[in-house]
PDB file of N, CA and C in Angstrom:
ATOM      1  N   UNK A   1      92.425  93.646 114.283  1.00  0.00           N
ATOM      2  CA  UNK A   1      91.787  92.779 113.327  1.00  0.00           C
ATOM      3  C   UNK A   1      92.430  93.019 111.967  1.00  0.00           C
ATOM      4  N   UNK A   2      92.837  91.932 111.335  1.00  0.00           N
ATOM      5  CA  UNK A   2      93.487  92.042 110.044  1.00  0.00           C
ATOM      6  C   UNK A   2      92.497  92.258 108.922  1.00  0.00           C
ATOM      7  N   UNK A   3      93.054  92.560 107.754  1.00  0.00           N
ATOM      8  CA  UNK A   3      92.210  92.841 106.599  1.00  0.00           C
ATOM      9  C   UNK A   3      91.433  91.597 106.167  1.00  0.00           C
ATOM     10  N   UNK A   4      92.050  90.427 106.250  1.00  0.00           N
ATOM     11  CA  UNK A   4      91.365  89.189 105.859  1.00  0.00           C
ATOM     12  C   UNK A   4      90.225  88.889 106.821  1.00  0.00           C
ATOM     13  N   UNK A   5      90.482  89.079 108.127  1.00  0.00           N
ATOM     14  CA  UNK A   5      89.428  88.850 109.116  1.00  0.00           C
ATOM     15  C   UNK A   5      88.268  89.818 108.918  1.00  0.00           C
ATOM     16  N   UNK A   6      88.573  91.051 108.633  1.00  0.00           N
ATOM     17  CA  UNK A   6      87.528  92.053 108.411  1.00  0.00           C
ATOM     18  C   UNK A   6      86.708  91.716 107.168  1.00  0.00           C
ATOM     19  N   UNK A   7      87.370  91.235 106.116  1.00  0.00           N
ATOM     20  CA  UNK A   7      86.672  90.855 104.891  1.00  0.00           C
ATOM     21  C   UNK A   7      85.729  89.682 105.155  1.00  0.00           C
ATOM     22  N   UNK A   8      86.201  88.689 105.912  1.00  0.00           N
ATOM     23  CA  UNK A   8      85.344  87.547 106.239  1.00  0.00           C
ATOM     24  C   UNK A   8      84.149  87.974 107.081  1.00  0.00           C
ATOM     25  N   UNK A   9      84.369  88.887 108.017  1.00  0.00           N
ATOM     26  CA  UNK A   9      83.281  89.387 108.850  1.00  0.00           C
ATOM     27  C   UNK A   9      82.247  90.130 108.004  1.00  0.00           C
ATOM     28  N   UNK A  10      82.708  90.982 107.108  1.00  0.00           N
ATOM     29  CA  UNK A  10      81.789  91.711 106.225  1.00  0.00           C
ATOM     30  C   UNK A  10      81.038  90.765 105.301  1.00  0.00           C
ATOM     31  N   UNK A  11      81.709  89.740 104.793  1.00  0.00           N
ATOM     32  CA  UNK A  11      81.029  88.749 103.959  1.00  0.00           C
ATOM     33  C   UNK A  11      79.959  88.023 104.764  1.00  0.00           C
ATOM     34  N   UNK A  12      80.257  87.724 106.025  1.00  0.00           N
ATOM     35  CA  UNK A  12      79.272  87.072 106.881  1.00  0.00           C
ATOM     36  C   UNK A  12      78.047  87.935 107.101  1.00  0.00           C
ATOM     37  N   UNK A  13      78.269  89.230 107.345  1.00  0.00           N
ATOM     38  CA  UNK A  13      77.141  90.148 107.509  1.00  0.00           C
ATOM     39  C   UNK A  13      76.327  90.234 106.220  1.00  0.00           C
ATOM     40  N   UNK A  14      77.002  90.299 105.091  1.00  0.00           N
ATOM     41  CA  UNK A  14      76.305  90.372 103.809  1.00  0.00           C
ATOM     42  C   UNK A  14      75.487  89.118 103.533  1.00  0.00           C
ATOM     43  N   UNK A  15      76.052  87.955 103.842  1.00  0.00           N
ATOM     44  CA  UNK A  15      75.316  86.703 103.643  1.00  0.00           C
ATOM     45  C   UNK A  15      74.104  86.630 104.558  1.00  0.00           C
ATOM     46  N   UNK A  16      74.270  87.036 105.810  1.00  0.00           N
ATOM     47  CA  UNK A  16      73.152  87.010 106.755  1.00  0.00           C
ATOM     48  C   UNK A  16      72.044  87.960 106.313  1.00  0.00           C
ATOM     49  N   UNK A  17      72.416  89.136 105.850  1.00  0.00           N
ATOM     50  CA  UNK A  17      71.418  90.097 105.388  1.00  0.00           C
ATOM     51  C   UNK A  17      70.674  89.575 104.161  1.00  0.00           C
ATOM     52  N   UNK A  18      71.391  88.958 103.239  1.00  0.00           N
ATOM     53  CA  UNK A  18      70.724  88.439 102.038  1.00  0.00           C
ATOM     54  C   UNK A  18      69.770  87.304 102.391  1.00  0.00           C
ATOM     55  N   UNK A  19      70.141  86.448 103.332  1.00  0.00           N
ATOM     56  CA  UNK A  19      69.244  85.370 103.770  1.00  0.00           C
ATOM     57  C   UNK A  19      68.013  85.940 104.457  1.00  0.00           C
ATOM     58  N   UNK A  20      68.195  86.962 105.286  1.00  0.00           N
ATOM     59  CA  UNK A  20      67.066  87.576 105.989  1.00  0.00           C
ATOM     60  C   UNK A  20      66.107  88.215 104.996  1.00  0.00           C
ATOM     61  N   UNK A  21      66.642  88.914 104.017  1.00  0.00           N
ATOM     62  CA  UNK A  21      65.790  89.541 103.004  1.00  0.00           C
ATOM     63  C   UNK A  21      65.061  88.471 102.200  1.00  0.00           C
ATOM     64  N   UNK A  22      65.763  87.390 101.864  1.00  0.00           N
ATOM     65  CA  UNK A  22      65.145  86.302 101.113  1.00  0.00           C
ATOM     66  C   UNK A  22      63.996  85.680 101.902  1.00  0.00           C
ATOM     67  N   UNK A  23      64.176  85.509 103.215  1.00  0.00           N
ATOM     68  CA  UNK A  23      63.138  84.875 104.028  1.00  0.00           C
ATOM     69  C   UNK A  23      61.932  85.782 104.233  1.00  0.00           C
ATOM     70  N   UNK A  24      62.087  87.080 104.065  1.00  0.00           N
ATOM     71  CA  UNK A  24      60.965  88.000 104.252  1.00  0.00           C
ATOM     72  C   UNK A  24      60.349  88.390 102.917  1.00  0.00           C
ATOM     73  N   UNK A  25      61.164  88.765 101.958  1.00  0.00           N
ATOM     74  CA  UNK A  25      60.654  89.332 100.708  1.00  0.00           C
ATOM     75  C   UNK A  25      60.010  88.269  99.812  1.00  0.00           C
ATOM     76  N   UNK A  26      60.601  87.095  99.718  1.00  0.00           N
ATOM     77  CA  UNK A  26      60.051  86.077  98.820  1.00  0.00           C
ATOM     78  C   UNK A  26      58.632  85.672  99.208  1.00  0.00           C
ATOM     79  N   UNK A  27      58.375  85.303 100.489  1.00  0.00           N
ATOM     80  CA  UNK A  27      56.975  84.997 100.836  1.00  0.00           C
ATOM     81  C   UNK A  27      56.049  86.204 100.674  1.00  0.00           C
ATOM     82  N   UNK A  28      56.569  87.397 100.927  1.00  0.00           N
ATOM     83  CA  UNK A  28      55.753  88.595 100.779  1.00  0.00           C
ATOM     84  C   UNK A  28      55.336  88.798  99.320  1.00  0.00           C
ATOM     85  N   UNK A  29      56.253  88.581  98.402  1.00  0.00           N
ATOM     86  CA  UNK A  29      55.933  88.712  96.974  1.00  0.00           C
ATOM     87  C   UNK A  29      54.846  87.713  96.587  1.00  0.00           C
ATOM     88  N   UNK A  30      54.999  86.469  97.041  1.00  0.00           N
ATOM     89  CA  UNK A  30      53.997  85.464  96.693  1.00  0.00           C
ATOM     90  C   UNK A  30      52.664  85.730  97.381  1.00  0.00           C
ATOM     91  N   UNK A  31      52.694  86.274  98.596  1.00  0.00           N
ATOM     92  CA  UNK A  31      51.441  86.639  99.265  1.00  0.00           C
ATOM     93  C   UNK A  31      50.736  87.761  98.511  1.00  0.00           C
ATOM     94  N   UNK A  32      51.493  88.715  97.996  1.00  0.00           N
ATOM     95  CA  UNK A  32      50.890  89.794  97.208  1.00  0.00           C
ATOM     96  C   UNK A  32      50.284  89.234  95.922  1.00  0.00           C
ATOM     97  N   UNK A  33      50.974  88.326  95.275  1.00  0.00           N
ATOM     98  CA  UNK A  33      50.416  87.685  94.081  1.00  0.00           C
ATOM     99  C   UNK A  33      49.134  86.944  94.444  1.00  0.00           C
ATOM    100  N   UNK A  34      49.154  86.223  95.579  1.00  0.00           N
ATOM    101  CA  UNK A  34      47.945  85.541  96.044  1.00  0.00           C
ATOM    102  C   UNK A  34      46.828  86.515  96.350  1.00  0.00           C
ATOM    103  N   UNK A  35      47.176  87.657  96.919  1.00  0.00           N
ATOM    104  CA  UNK A  35      46.171  88.682  97.200  1.00  0.00           C
ATOM    105  C   UNK A  35      45.518  89.188  95.911  1.00  0.00           C
ATOM    106  N   UNK A  36      46.323  89.389  94.881  1.00  0.00           N
ATOM    107  CA  UNK A  36      45.775  89.825  93.596  1.00  0.00           C
ATOM    108  C   UNK A  36      44.846  88.767  93.008  1.00  0.00           C
ATOM    109  N   UNK A  37      45.226  87.507  93.145  1.00  0.00           N
ATOM    110  CA  UNK A  37      44.355  86.425  92.673  1.00  0.00           C
ATOM    111  C   UNK A  37      43.072  86.391  93.502  1.00  0.00           C
ATOM    112  N   UNK A  38      43.208  86.579  94.821  1.00  0.00           N
ATOM    113  CA  UNK A  38      42.024  86.605  95.688  1.00  0.00           C
ATOM    114  C   UNK A  38      41.068  87.728  95.301  1.00  0.00           C
ATOM    115  N   UNK A  39      41.607  88.901  95.003  1.00  0.00           N
ATOM    116  CA  UNK A  39      40.745  90.021  94.590  1.00  0.00           C
ATOM    117  C   UNK A  39      40.062  89.721  93.266  1.00  0.00           C
ATOM    118  N   UNK A  40      40.803  89.095  92.363  1.00  0.00           N
ATOM    119  CA  UNK A  40      40.263  88.776  91.041  1.00  0.00           C
ATOM    120  C   UNK A  40      39.146  87.736  91.142  1.00  0.00           C
ATOM    121  N   UNK A  41      39.362  86.691  92.007  1.00  0.00           N
ATOM    122  CA  UNK A  41      38.378  85.614  92.141  1.00  0.00           C
ATOM    123  C   UNK A  41      37.395  85.841  93.285  1.00  0.00           C
ATOM    124  N   UNK A  42      37.620  86.896  94.091  1.00  0.00           N
ATOM    125  CA  UNK A  42      36.765  87.212  95.236  1.00  0.00           C
ATOM    126  C   UNK A  42      36.682  86.026  96.211  1.00  0.00           C
ATOM    127  N   UNK A  43      37.858  85.537  96.634  1.00  0.00           N
ATOM    128  CA  UNK A  43      37.919  84.350  97.489  1.00  0.00           C
ATOM    129  C   UNK A  43      38.436  84.649  98.889  1.00  0.00           C
ATOM    130  N   UNK A  44      38.392  85.872  99.331  1.00  0.00           N
ATOM    131  CA  UNK A  44      38.878  86.184 100.674  1.00  0.00           C
ATOM    132  C   UNK A  44      40.399  86.225 100.688  1.00  0.00           C
ATOM    133  N   UNK A  45      41.003  85.488 101.624  1.00  0.00           N
ATOM    134  CA  UNK A  45      42.469  85.482 101.743  1.00  0.00           C
ATOM    135  C   UNK A  45      43.064  84.094 101.517  1.00  0.00           C
ATOM    136  N   UNK A  46      42.372  83.261 100.775  1.00  0.00           N
ATOM    137  CA  UNK A  46      42.795  81.877 100.588  1.00  0.00           C
ATOM    138  C   UNK A  46      44.137  81.795  99.872  1.00  0.00           C
ATOM    139  N   UNK A  47      44.257  82.406  98.726  1.00  0.00           N
ATOM    140  CA  UNK A  47      45.488  82.317  97.948  1.00  0.00           C
ATOM    141  C   UNK A  47      46.623  83.104  98.589  1.00  0.00           C
ATOM    142  N   UNK A  48      46.328  84.249  99.175  1.00  0.00           N
ATOM    143  CA  UNK A  48      47.371  85.048  99.817  1.00  0.00           C
ATOM    144  C   UNK A  48      48.014  84.270 100.960  1.00  0.00           C
ATOM    145  N   UNK A  49      47.204  83.700 101.829  1.00  0.00           N
ATOM    146  CA  UNK A  49      47.755  82.913 102.938  1.00  0.00           C
ATOM    147  C   UNK A  49      48.424  81.641 102.440  1.00  0.00           C
ATOM    148  N   UNK A  50      47.792  80.983 101.491  1.00  0.00           N
ATOM    149  CA  UNK A  50      48.354  79.741 100.963  1.00  0.00           C
ATOM    150  C   UNK A  50      49.715  79.953 100.320  1.00  0.00           C
ATOM    151  N   UNK A  51      49.803  80.927  99.429  1.00  0.00           N
ATOM    152  CA  UNK A  51      51.077  81.204  98.767  1.00  0.00           C
ATOM    153  C   UNK A  51      52.131  81.683  99.763  1.00  0.00           C
ATOM    154  N   UNK A  52      51.734  82.559 100.681  1.00  0.00           N
ATOM    155  CA  UNK A  52      52.685  83.085 101.658  1.00  0.00           C
ATOM    156  C   UNK A  52      53.232  82.005 102.571  1.00  0.00           C
ATOM    157  N   UNK A  53      52.353  81.171 103.125  1.00  0.00           N
ATOM    158  CA  UNK A  53      52.786  80.109 104.043  1.00  0.00           C
ATOM    159  C   UNK A  53      53.608  79.060 103.301  1.00  0.00           C
ATOM    160  N   UNK A  54      53.153  78.668 102.112  1.00  0.00           N
ATOM    161  CA  UNK A  54      53.899  77.675 101.343  1.00  0.00           C
ATOM    162  C   UNK A  54      55.306  78.177 101.008  1.00  0.00           C
ATOM    163  N   UNK A  55      55.403  79.420 100.581  1.00  0.00           N
ATOM    164  CA  UNK A  55      56.705  79.974 100.218  1.00  0.00           C
ATOM    165  C   UNK A  55      57.600  80.130 101.438  1.00  0.00           C
ATOM    166  N   UNK A  56      57.047  80.559 102.561  1.00  0.00           N
ATOM    167  CA  UNK A  56      57.835  80.656 103.789  1.00  0.00           C
ATOM    168  C   UNK A  56      58.355  79.283 104.208  1.00  0.00           C
ATOM    169  N   UNK A  57      57.520  78.251 104.111  1.00  0.00           N
ATOM    170  CA  UNK A  57      57.952  76.896 104.454  1.00  0.00           C
ATOM    171  C   UNK A  57      59.068  76.440 103.511  1.00  0.00           C
ATOM    172  N   UNK A  58      58.926  76.717 102.221  1.00  0.00           N
ATOM    173  CA  UNK A  58      59.958  76.307 101.262  1.00  0.00           C
ATOM    174  C   UNK A  58      61.278  77.034 101.514  1.00  0.00           C
ATOM    175  N   UNK A  59      61.230  78.334 101.731  1.00  0.00           N
ATOM    176  CA  UNK A  59      62.454  79.109 101.960  1.00  0.00           C
ATOM    177  C   UNK A  59      63.131  78.644 103.243  1.00  0.00           C
ATOM    178  N   UNK A  60      62.357  78.349 104.269  1.00  0.00           N
ATOM    179  CA  UNK A  60      62.923  77.853 105.525  1.00  0.00           C
ATOM    180  C   UNK A  60      63.576  76.491 105.319  1.00  0.00           C
ATOM    181  N   UNK A  61      62.883  75.605 104.599  1.00  0.00           N
ATOM    182  CA  UNK A  61      63.433  74.275 104.329  1.00  0.00           C
ATOM    183  C   UNK A  61      64.722  74.382 103.517  1.00  0.00           C
ATOM    184  N   UNK A  62      64.714  75.227 102.500  1.00  0.00           N
ATOM    185  CA  UNK A  62      65.894  75.399 101.653  1.00  0.00           C
ATOM    186  C   UNK A  62      67.073  75.942 102.461  1.00  0.00           C
ATOM    187  N   UNK A  63      66.815  76.911 103.326  1.00  0.00           N
ATOM    188  CA  UNK A  63      67.880  77.476 104.158  1.00  0.00           C
ATOM    189  C   UNK A  63      68.458  76.423 105.097  1.00  0.00           C
ATOM    190  N   UNK A  64      67.591  75.587 105.664  1.00  0.00           N
ATOM    191  CA  UNK A  64      68.056  74.523 106.550  1.00  0.00           C
ATOM    192  C   UNK A  64      68.918  73.517 105.788  1.00  0.00           C
ATOM    193  N   UNK A  65      68.487  73.138 104.591  1.00  0.00           N
ATOM    194  CA  UNK A  65      69.245  72.154 103.821  1.00  0.00           C
ATOM    195  C   UNK A  65      70.618  72.698 103.419  1.00  0.00           C
ATOM    196  N   UNK A  66      70.686  73.957 103.030  1.00  0.00           N
ATOM    197  CA  UNK A  66      71.969  74.569 102.666  1.00  0.00           C
ATOM    198  C   UNK A  66      72.867  74.641 103.893  1.00  0.00           C
ATOM    199  N   UNK A  67      72.306  75.052 105.037  1.00  0.00           N
ATOM    200  CA  UNK A  67      73.074  75.127 106.283  1.00  0.00           C
ATOM    201  C   UNK A  67      73.594  73.747 106.681  1.00  0.00           C
ATOM    202  N   UNK A  68      72.743  72.739 106.594  1.00  0.00           N
ATOM    203  CA  UNK A  68      73.142  71.389 106.971  1.00  0.00           C
ATOM    204  C   UNK A  68      74.276  70.884 106.078  1.00  0.00           C
ATOM    205  N   UNK A  69      74.178  71.125 104.783  1.00  0.00           N
ATOM    206  CA  UNK A  69      75.236  70.696 103.863  1.00  0.00           C
ATOM    207  C   UNK A  69      76.549  71.425 104.157  1.00  0.00           C
ATOM    208  N   UNK A  70      76.477  72.729 104.445  1.00  0.00           N
ATOM    209  CA  UNK A  70      77.688  73.480 104.769  1.00  0.00           C
ATOM    210  C   UNK A  70      78.320  72.980 106.062  1.00  0.00           C
ATOM    211  N   UNK A  71      77.522  72.651 107.054  1.00  0.00           N
ATOM    212  CA  UNK A  71      78.062  72.153 108.314  1.00  0.00           C
ATOM    213  C   UNK A  71      78.682  70.774 108.148  1.00  0.00           C
ATOM    214  N   UNK A  72      78.079  69.924 107.332  1.00  0.00           N
ATOM    215  CA  UNK A  72      78.671  68.607 107.065  1.00  0.00           C
ATOM    216  C   UNK A  72      80.015  68.758 106.345  1.00  0.00           C
ATOM    217  N   UNK A  73      80.078  69.662 105.379  1.00  0.00           N
ATOM    218  CA  UNK A  73      81.345  69.900 104.685  1.00  0.00           C
ATOM    219  C   UNK A  73      82.402  70.435 105.643  1.00  0.00           C
ATOM    220  N   UNK A  74      81.999  71.332 106.543  1.00  0.00           N
ATOM    221  CA  UNK A  74      82.945  71.891 107.516  1.00  0.00           C
ATOM    222  C   UNK A  74      83.428  70.815 108.483  1.00  0.00           C
ATOM    223  N   UNK A  75      82.526  69.936 108.930  1.00  0.00           N
ATOM    224  CA  UNK A  75      82.932  68.828 109.797  1.00  0.00           C
ATOM    225  C   UNK A  75      83.912  67.914 109.075  1.00  0.00           C
ATOM    226  N   UNK A  76      83.612  67.605 107.820  1.00  0.00           N
ATOM    227  CA  UNK A  76      84.513  66.757 107.042  1.00  0.00           C
ATOM    228  C   UNK A  76      85.884  67.413 106.879  1.00  0.00           C
ATOM    229  N   UNK A  77      85.893  68.724 106.666  1.00  0.00           N
ATOM    230  CA  UNK A  77      87.166  69.429 106.502  1.00  0.00           C
ATOM    231  C   UNK A  77      87.966  69.416 107.803  1.00  0.00           C
ATOM    232  N   UNK A  78      87.290  69.667 108.926  1.00  0.00           N
ATOM    233  CA  UNK A  78      87.982  69.714 110.205  1.00  0.00           C
ATOM    234  C   UNK A  78      88.498  68.337 110.601  1.00  0.00           C
ATOM    235  N   UNK A  79      87.674  67.314 110.405  1.00  0.00           N
ATOM    236  CA  UNK A  79      88.057  65.959 110.800  1.00  0.00           C
ATOM    237  C   UNK A  79      88.825  65.237 109.701  1.00  0.00           C
ATOM    238  N   UNK A  80      89.060  65.915 108.583  1.00  0.00           N
ATOM    239  CA  UNK A  80      89.804  65.370 107.439  1.00  0.00           C
ATOM    240  C   UNK A  80      89.203  64.050 106.949  1.00  0.00           C
ATOM    241  N   UNK A  81      87.860  64.058 106.870  1.00  0.00           N
ATOM    242  CA  UNK A  81      87.160  62.877 106.349  1.00  0.00           C
ATOM    243  C   UNK A  81      86.907  63.063 104.867  1.00  0.00           C
ATOM    244  N   UNK A  82      86.847  61.947 104.172  1.00  0.00           N
ATOM    245  CA  UNK A  82      86.494  61.958 102.758  1.00  0.00           C
ATOM    246  C   UNK A  82      85.051  61.536 102.622  1.00  0.00           C
ATOM    247  N   UNK A  83      84.295  62.258 101.825  1.00  0.00           N
ATOM    248  CA  UNK A  83      82.902  61.905 101.579  1.00  0.00           C
ATOM    249  C   UNK A  83      82.832  60.775 100.586  1.00  0.00           C
ATOM    250  N   UNK A  84      81.965  59.782 100.839  1.00  0.00           N
ATOM    251  CA  UNK A  84      81.821  58.718  99.842  1.00  0.00           C
ATOM    252  C   UNK A  84      81.212  59.275  98.550  1.00  0.00           C
ATOM    253  N   UNK A  85      81.712  58.768  97.434  1.00  0.00           N
ATOM    254  CA  UNK A  85      81.259  59.259  96.123  1.00  0.00           C
ATOM    255  C   UNK A  85      79.933  58.754  95.721  1.00  0.00           C
TER     256      UNK A  85
END
């Protein structure tokens, strides 16, 4: 394996790890904020679940949209298509 191939592989691992951390930590942070609001307002787990689920849905949607755009660009590059402006 050449140095360029190894660098690309390491970059891929780093990107995958950052996406995984983003998908876990971001909803967790918002769930904790919701939990603090729930304790303050004495509302059970309404805000914690709401913030956590909403943030998880947003992060998942964002990851899908970025992936879809990257795959379309890769298809265009491979098939040598020009994107309409």
